[in-house]
Protein backbone atom coordinates (compact mmCIF):
# COMPACT_ATOMS: atom_id res chain seq x y z
CA UNK A 1 0.00 0.00 0.00
CA UNK A 2 2.78 2.43 0.97
CA UNK A 3 4.76 1.41 -2.11
CA UNK A 4 1.84 2.10 -4.45
CA UNK A 5 1.18 5.42 -2.71
CA UNK A 6 4.80 6.50 -3.32
CA UNK A 7 4.46 5.61 -7.00
CA UNK A 8 1.19 7.55 -7.31
CA UNK A 9 2.75 10.61 -5.65
CA UNK A 10 5.67 10.47 -8.09
CA UNK A 11 3.28 10.13 -11.05
CA UNK A 12 1.29 13.16 -9.91
CA UNK A 13 4.43 15.20 -9.25
CA UNK A 14 5.94 14.32 -12.62
CA UNK A 15 2.80 15.39 -14.50
CA UNK A 16 2.37 18.63 -12.54
CA UNK A 17 6.06 19.51 -12.81
CA UNK A 18 5.99 18.82 -16.55
CA UNK A 19 3.04 21.17 -17.06
CA UNK A 20 4.72 23.88 -14.96
CA UNK A 21 7.86 23.68 -17.10
CA UNK A 22 5.84 23.83 -20.33
CA UNK A 23 3.51 26.65 -19.32
CA UNK A 24 5.69 28.90 -17.15
CA UNK A 25 7.63 31.76 -18.70
CA UNK A 26 10.33 31.10 -16.08
CA UNK A 27 11.27 27.79 -17.70
CA UNK A 28 10.25 28.53 -21.27
CA UNK A 29 12.99 27.15 -23.52
CA UNK A 30 13.24 24.42 -26.10
CA UNK A 31 15.62 22.47 -23.88
CA UNK A 32 13.28 22.53 -20.89
CA UNK A 33 10.42 21.41 -23.12
CA UNK A 34 12.17 18.07 -23.56
CA UNK A 35 12.77 17.86 -19.82
CA UNK A 36 8.99 18.18 -19.40
CA UNK A 37 8.45 15.41 -21.97
CA UNK A 38 10.96 13.29 -20.05
CA UNK A 39 8.98 13.74 -16.83
CA UNK A 40 5.71 12.92 -18.62
CA UNK A 41 7.25 9.74 -20.01
CA UNK A 42 8.58 8.66 -16.62
CA UNK A 43 5.11 9.23 -15.19
CA UNK A 44 3.50 7.10 -17.91
CA UNK A 45 6.01 4.28 -17.31
CA UNK A 46 5.19 4.39 -13.59
CA UNK A 47 1.45 4.56 -14.28
CA UNK A 48 1.60 1.42 -16.42
CA UNK A 49 3.51 -0.32 -13.63
CA UNK A 50 0.87 0.71 -11.08
CA UNK A 51 -1.85 -0.60 -13.42
CA UNK A 52 0.01 -3.90 -13.55
CA UNK A 53 0.37 -4.08 -9.75
CA UNK A 54 -3.33 -3.33 -9.24
CA UNK A 55 -4.44 -5.81 -11.96
CA UNK A 56 -6.11 -2.96 -13.84
CA UNK A 57 -5.19 -4.55 -17.17
CA UNK A 58 -7.17 -7.65 -16.22
CA UNK A 59 -10.26 -5.63 -15.34
CA UNK A 60 -9.94 -3.34 -18.37
CA UNK A 61 -8.06 -5.32 -21.07
CA UNK A 62 -8.11 -2.53 -23.63
CA UNK A 63 -5.98 -0.36 -21.32
CA UNK A 64 -3.11 -2.68 -22.12
CA UNK A 65 -2.70 -0.75 -25.37
CA UNK A 66 -1.37 2.17 -23.30
CA UNK A 67 1.36 -0.20 -22.13
CA UNK A 68 1.86 -1.49 -25.68
CA UNK A 69 3.76 1.66 -26.59
CA UNK A 70 7.36 1.25 -25.49
CA UNK A 71 7.54 4.55 -23.64
CA UNK A 72 10.82 3.62 -22.04
CA UNK A 73 12.59 3.98 -25.40
CA UNK A 74 11.70 7.68 -25.35
CA UNK A 75 13.64 8.28 -22.13
CA UNK A 76 17.14 8.31 -23.71
CA UNK A 77 15.80 10.32 -26.66
CA UNK A 78 14.26 13.09 -24.54
CA UNK A 79 17.36 13.16 -22.30
CA UNK A 80 19.52 13.59 -25.40
CA UNK A 81 17.22 16.30 -26.78
CA UNK A 82 17.35 18.09 -23.43
CA UNK A 83 21.15 18.14 -23.61
CA UNK A 84 21.71 19.13 -27.23
CA UNK A 85 19.21 21.98 -27.01
CA UNK A 86 21.40 23.52 -24.31
CA UNK A 87 24.47 23.72 -26.54
CA UNK A 88 25.48 25.95 -29.44
CA UNK A 89 23.28 26.05 -32.53
CA UNK A 90 26.15 25.04 -34.82
CA UNK A 91 26.66 21.78 -32.94
CA UNK A 92 22.96 21.13 -32.39
CA UNK A 93 22.01 21.62 -36.04
CA UNK A 94 24.31 18.78 -37.11
CA UNK A 95 22.22 16.25 -35.18
CA UNK A 96 19.62 14.19 -37.08
CA UNK A 97 17.48 13.58 -34.02
CA UNK A 98 14.49 12.08 -35.81
CA UNK A 99 16.48 8.84 -36.29
CA UNK A 100 16.44 8.27 -32.55
CA UNK A 101 12.66 7.86 -32.51
CA UNK A 102 12.80 4.81 -34.80
CA UNK A 103 13.18 2.20 -31.97
CA UNK A 104 10.13 3.62 -30.17
CA UNK A 105 8.01 3.61 -33.35
CA UNK A 106 9.16 0.15 -34.46
CA UNK A 107 8.72 -1.51 -31.06
CA UNK A 108 5.35 0.11 -30.48
CA UNK A 109 3.99 -0.92 -33.89
CA UNK A 110 5.16 -4.50 -33.39
CA UNK A 111 3.67 -4.75 -29.89
CA UNK A 112 0.35 -3.21 -30.97
CA UNK A 113 0.16 -5.62 -33.91
CA UNK A 114 0.61 -8.58 -31.54
CA UNK A 115 -1.84 -7.15 -28.97
CA UNK A 116 -4.53 -6.78 -31.62
CA UNK A 117 -4.37 -10.58 -31.81
CA UNK A 118 -3.85 -11.78 -28.25
CA UNK A 119 -5.59 -8.94 -26.37
CA UNK A 120 -8.29 -7.52 -28.63
CA UNK A 121 -8.94 -10.51 -30.89
CA UNK A 122 -9.25 -8.26 -33.93
CA UNK A 123 -7.53 -10.90 -36.06
CA UNK A 124 -5.56 -14.12 -35.64
CA UNK A 125 -1.89 -14.28 -36.55
CA UNK A 126 -1.31 -17.57 -38.43
CA UNK A 127 1.12 -20.04 -36.91
CA UNK A 128 3.19 -19.82 -40.08
CA UNK A 129 3.83 -16.16 -39.27
CA UNK A 130 5.19 -16.80 -35.78
CA UNK A 131 8.69 -17.43 -37.11
CA UNK A 132 8.62 -13.96 -38.69
CA UNK A 133 7.25 -12.45 -35.46
CA UNK A 134 10.16 -13.98 -33.52
CA UNK A 135 12.65 -12.49 -35.98
CA UNK A 136 10.98 -9.11 -35.61
CA UNK A 137 11.22 -9.45 -31.83
CA UNK A 138 14.93 -10.17 -32.07
CA UNK A 139 15.27 -6.94 -34.07
CA UNK A 140 13.26 -5.30 -31.28
CA UNK A 141 15.84 -6.44 -28.73
CA UNK A 142 18.66 -5.20 -30.96
CA UNK A 143 17.06 -1.75 -31.27
CA UNK A 144 16.52 -1.69 -27.49
CA UNK A 145 20.21 -2.37 -26.90
CA UNK A 146 21.23 0.29 -29.41
CA UNK A 147 18.96 3.04 -28.06
CA UNK A 148 19.55 2.22 -24.38
CA UNK A 149 23.32 1.79 -24.56
CA UNK A 150 24.44 3.94 -27.50
CA UNK A 151 22.39 7.15 -27.16
CA UNK A 152 23.25 7.87 -23.48
CA UNK A 153 26.93 7.29 -24.28
CA UNK A 154 26.67 9.71 -27.18
CA UNK A 155 24.93 12.15 -24.82
CA UNK A 156 28.00 12.05 -22.56
CA UNK A 157 30.04 13.11 -25.59
CA UNK A 158 27.69 16.03 -26.28
CA UNK A 159 27.83 17.32 -22.69
CA UNK A 160 31.35 18.63 -23.32
CA UNK A 161 29.82 21.42 -25.42
CA UNK A 162 28.02 22.89 -22.39
CA UNK A 163 29.76 26.09 -21.31
CA UNK A 164 28.58 26.48 -17.71
CA UNK A 165 30.57 24.11 -15.41
CA UNK A 166 27.80 23.99 -12.79
CA UNK A 167 25.19 23.28 -15.44
CA UNK A 168 27.44 20.60 -16.93
CA UNK A 169 27.70 18.91 -13.54
CA UNK A 170 23.93 18.92 -13.02
CA UNK A 171 23.15 17.57 -16.52
CA UNK A 172 25.87 14.94 -16.15
CA UNK A 173 24.28 13.71 -12.92
CA UNK A 174 20.83 13.56 -14.51
CA UNK A 175 22.19 11.62 -17.49
CA UNK A 176 24.03 9.20 -15.21
CA UNK A 177 20.85 8.48 -13.24
CA UNK A 178 18.93 7.84 -16.45
CA UNK A 179 21.69 5.67 -17.92
CA UNK A 180 21.90 3.49 -14.81
CA UNK A 181 18.12 3.03 -14.75
CA UNK A 182 17.95 2.11 -18.43
CA UNK A 183 20.85 -0.35 -18.31
CA UNK A 184 19.47 -1.94 -15.14
CA UNK A 185 16.01 -2.22 -16.71
CA UNK A 186 17.33 -3.69 -19.97
CA UNK A 187 19.49 -6.25 -18.16
CA UNK A 188 16.65 -7.29 -15.85
CA UNK A 189 14.13 -7.52 -18.70
CA UNK A 190 16.40 -9.63 -20.90
CA UNK A 191 17.38 -12.00 -18.07
CA UNK A 192 13.74 -12.46 -17.12
CA UNK A 193 12.68 -13.01 -20.75
CA UNK A 194 15.45 -15.42 -21.78
CA UNK A 195 15.55 -17.48 -18.55
CA UNK A 196 11.84 -17.17 -17.69
CA UNK A 197 12.62 -15.82 -14.22
CA UNK A 198 10.41 -13.79 -11.89
CA UNK A 199 11.98 -10.31 -11.87
CA UNK A 200 9.05 -8.49 -10.24
CA UNK A 201 11.06 -7.60 -7.11
CA UNK A 202 13.85 -6.01 -9.15
CA UNK A 203 11.29 -4.13 -11.22
CA UNK A 204 9.73 -2.80 -8.00
CA UNK A 205 13.14 -1.49 -6.95
CA UNK A 206 13.46 0.17 -10.36
CA UNK A 207 10.03 1.75 -9.82
CA UNK A 208 11.26 3.32 -6.60
CA UNK A 209 14.38 4.53 -8.40
CA UNK A 210 12.23 6.28 -11.00
CA UNK A 211 10.29 8.06 -8.24
CA UNK A 212 13.64 9.23 -6.86
CA UNK A 213 14.64 10.65 -10.28
CA UNK A 214 11.37 12.61 -10.49
CA UNK A 215 11.72 13.97 -6.94
CA UNK A 216 15.39 14.77 -7.49
CA UNK A 217 14.66 16.61 -10.73
CA UNK A 218 11.99 18.65 -8.95
CA UNK A 219 14.35 19.67 -6.15
CA UNK A 220 17.69 20.07 -7.92
CA UNK A 221 16.50 21.07 -11.37
CA UNK A 222 13.83 23.54 -10.30
CA UNK A 223 14.51 24.81 -6.78
CA UNK A 224 18.22 24.38 -6.23
CA UNK A 225 19.70 24.67 -9.72
CA UNK A 226 19.00 27.14 -12.42
CA UNK A 227 16.34 26.11 -14.86
CA UNK A 228 15.04 29.34 -13.39
CA UNK A 229 17.59 31.36 -11.46
CA UNK A 230 15.51 32.61 -8.57
CA UNK A 231 13.83 30.46 -5.92
CA UNK A 232 11.54 33.20 -4.67
CA UNK A 233 10.35 34.01 -8.17
CA UNK A 234 9.49 30.34 -8.73
CA UNK A 235 7.65 30.15 -5.41
CA UNK A 236 5.62 33.22 -6.22
CA UNK A 237 4.85 31.94 -9.70
CA UNK A 238 3.59 28.61 -8.36
CA UNK A 239 1.31 30.58 -6.05
CA UNK A 240 0.11 32.85 -8.89
CA UNK A 241 1.41 35.99 -7.20
CA UNK A 242 3.50 37.14 -10.15
CA UNK A 243 0.98 36.69 -12.93
CA UNK A 244 1.01 39.89 -15.03
CA UNK A 245 -1.94 40.61 -17.25
CA UNK A 246 -1.67 42.50 -20.54
CA UNK A 247 -3.66 45.42 -19.13
CA UNK A 248 -1.34 45.66 -16.12
CA UNK A 249 1.66 45.61 -18.43
CA UNK A 250 0.29 48.53 -20.46
CA UNK A 251 -0.30 50.48 -17.25
CA UNK A 252 3.29 49.86 -16.19
CA UNK A 253 4.70 50.87 -19.57
CA UNK A 254 2.63 54.08 -19.63
CA UNK A 255 3.86 55.19 -16.22
CA UNK A 256 7.08 57.11 -15.69
CA UNK A 257 10.27 55.35 -14.69
CA UNK A 258 10.27 56.93 -11.24
CA UNK A 259 6.77 55.66 -10.42
CA UNK A 260 7.61 51.99 -10.80
CA UNK A 261 11.42 51.86 -10.43
CA UNK A 262 11.20 50.31 -6.97
CA UNK A 263 8.76 47.64 -8.16
CA UNK A 264 11.21 46.20 -10.73
CA UNK A 265 13.78 43.88 -9.17
CA UNK A 266 15.83 40.88 -10.22
CA UNK A 267 12.73 38.76 -9.51
CA UNK A 268 11.03 40.30 -12.55
CA UNK A 269 9.69 37.47 -14.73
CA UNK A 270 10.86 39.04 -17.98
CA UNK A 271 14.36 39.60 -16.62
CA UNK A 272 14.42 35.99 -15.39
CA UNK A 273 13.47 34.81 -18.87
CA UNK A 274 16.11 37.08 -20.43
CA UNK A 275 18.73 35.53 -18.15
CA UNK A 276 17.62 32.08 -19.26
CA UNK A 277 17.83 33.04 -22.92
CA UNK A 278 21.40 34.22 -22.41
CA UNK A 279 22.61 31.43 -20.14
CA UNK A 280 20.79 28.50 -21.71
CA UNK A 281 20.06 29.47 -25.30
CA UNK A 282 23.22 31.63 -25.67
CA UNK A 283 21.33 34.17 -27.77
CA UNK A 284 24.26 36.58 -27.45
CA UNK A 285 26.21 34.50 -30.00
CA UNK A 286 23.88 35.88 -32.68
CA UNK A 287 25.85 38.80 -34.14
CA UNK A 288 22.63 40.35 -35.51
CA UNK A 289 20.97 40.32 -32.09
CA UNK A 290 19.33 43.61 -31.15
CA UNK A 291 16.91 44.99 -28.61
CA UNK A 292 13.90 44.50 -30.90
CA UNK A 293 14.64 40.79 -31.46
CA UNK A 294 14.96 40.08 -27.76
CA UNK A 295 11.85 42.10 -26.90
CA UNK A 296 9.90 40.08 -29.44
CA UNK A 297 11.05 36.84 -27.82
CA UNK A 298 9.95 38.14 -24.41
CA UNK A 299 6.64 39.48 -25.81
CA UNK A 300 7.27 42.99 -24.44
CA UNK A 301 8.14 46.33 -25.99
CA UNK A 302 11.78 47.29 -26.68
CA UNK A 303 11.38 50.29 -24.38
CA UNK A 304 10.20 48.18 -21.47
CA UNK A 305 13.10 45.77 -22.05
CA UNK A 306 15.60 48.62 -21.85
CA UNK A 307 14.01 49.92 -18.65
CA UNK A 308 14.15 46.49 -16.99
CA UNK A 309 17.84 46.05 -17.84
CA UNK A 310 18.71 49.60 -16.81
CA UNK A 311 16.90 49.42 -13.46
CA UNK A 312 18.16 45.95 -12.47
CA UNK A 313 21.72 46.03 -13.84
CA UNK A 314 22.35 49.76 -14.08
CA UNK A 315 23.55 49.24 -17.65
CA UNK A 316 22.12 49.43 -21.17
CA UNK A 317 21.11 46.56 -23.45
CA UNK A 318 24.29 46.54 -25.56
CA UNK A 319 26.62 46.42 -22.55
CA UNK A 320 24.47 43.75 -20.88
CA UNK A 321 24.76 41.47 -23.93
CA UNK A 322 28.46 42.25 -24.39
CA UNK A 323 29.18 41.09 -20.84
CA UNK A 324 27.93 37.63 -21.77
CA UNK A 325 30.03 37.69 -24.93
CA UNK A 326 33.14 38.65 -22.99
CA UNK A 327 32.52 35.85 -20.48
CA UNK A 328 32.18 33.42 -23.39
CA UNK A 329 35.54 34.55 -24.77
CA UNK A 330 37.17 34.19 -21.35
CA UNK A 331 35.88 30.62 -21.15
CA UNK A 332 37.26 29.87 -24.61
CA UNK A 333 40.67 31.25 -23.64
CA UNK A 334 40.85 28.87 -20.67
CA UNK A 335 39.43 25.91 -22.65
CA UNK A 336 42.05 23.69 -24.39
CA UNK A 337 39.49 22.85 -27.09
CA UNK A 338 39.89 26.40 -28.45
CA UNK A 339 43.68 26.61 -28.31
CA UNK A 340 43.83 26.71 -32.12
CA UNK A 341 41.46 29.70 -32.26
CA UNK A 342 42.94 33.17 -32.44
CA UNK A 343 41.43 35.85 -30.23
CA UNK A 344 39.46 37.51 -33.02
CA UNK A 345 37.91 34.17 -34.00
CA UNK A 346 36.83 33.69 -30.37
CA UNK A 347 35.28 37.14 -30.35
CA UNK A 348 33.36 36.54 -33.57
CA UNK A 349 32.27 33.12 -32.31
CA UNK A 350 30.86 34.81 -29.20
CA UNK A 351 28.76 37.28 -31.20
CA UNK A 352 30.97 40.35 -31.71
CA UNK A 353 30.79 41.84 -35.19
CA UNK A 354 34.28 43.29 -35.51
CA UNK A 355 37.71 43.43 -33.91
CA UNK A 356 37.13 47.02 -32.76
CA UNK A 357 33.87 46.34 -30.89
CA UNK A 358 35.33 43.13 -29.46
CA UNK A 359 38.49 44.73 -28.05
CA UNK A 360 36.62 47.77 -26.78
CA UNK A 361 33.97 45.71 -24.95
CA UNK A 362 36.56 43.29 -23.54
CA UNK A 363 38.68 46.13 -22.16
CA UNK A 364 35.59 47.76 -20.64
CA UNK A 365 34.49 44.58 -18.83
CA UNK A 366 37.86 43.19 -17.71
CA UNK A 367 40.11 46.25 -17.68
CA UNK A 368 42.50 44.33 -19.95
CA UNK A 369 42.85 43.79 -23.66
CA UNK A 370 42.19 40.23 -24.87
CA UNK A 371 45.92 39.68 -25.38
CA UNK A 372 46.75 40.93 -21.88
CA UNK A 373 44.06 38.73 -20.37
CA UNK A 374 45.29 35.69 -22.30
CA UNK A 375 48.87 36.25 -21.12
CA UNK A 376 47.85 36.69 -17.46
CA UNK A 377 45.65 33.59 -17.54
CA UNK A 378 48.44 31.26 -18.61
């Protein structure tokens, strides 16, 4: 009873957390979207397991078609998508991610085809076809091994492109948890299938491990780490205290700066989203980036964007963006992967449009020229 209750709590938390990530402007990014899908998938896997424990499939046989879809093969795919959408566009665009959905589609179609015979009785598969079905199932096992073992390993390779060391550590831990669960599940499933052993106890332990991953993601990913950078802002959002209507926004924009200066702080939702766009999406690497483009992404006016940045940081939009570009160059200088890059190439890679603007901004932020900084950092 307690075990089932823990699973149900994890299912509920995974679904709610997924919707919060999808709908909240605090977490609104393409990368986080796949994290939400990952949580939804974990919840569905747990839900099917609860149905099995409670004999729901026996009472309602048609529900077994929910379990017929091999949701577990989506876990490494969504984890991979979560990672590559946090790295540079140039690296991300080289990935043909649609190939990674093939095992899920293939396995699901095969299982549904078999279930239409043994569960629904829609048709009867002839005995002469069983040899072909067994071959298709062997291919199913092969695809399972490929997607479960290969894709997480490839994800480890892609993590090196993350620029933030703290973010890299958090994503690495999440990937390790998922990899251990998938390998453990695959090994248990294959041993049970080939040797006809009862593996229900091990599967129950895996169920508890999945609940831990969901709870851990909620705590580390949302409250402790920086999917959104401010705990208080998240708390207020979850309690609907920071919901800003369009009418309220127009009132704010029509007022003078002095009348609402004190009301704009670092907890501002639009500033939080701007921070996420810079730190997660690395929008500053776009050399054509301007105030209008960013304002459009935030769904606010360019003037309001400038006021937010000025009040919170005390700086203007251009200097705010250039600070991120300078930090990116500093990271490249200290990263052995970029030792073959010259300083100008690093500056252009980070979003600067010319040598003059690059050197001027770098000197303003660090007090040193790029060459002086490179020499002192050796």
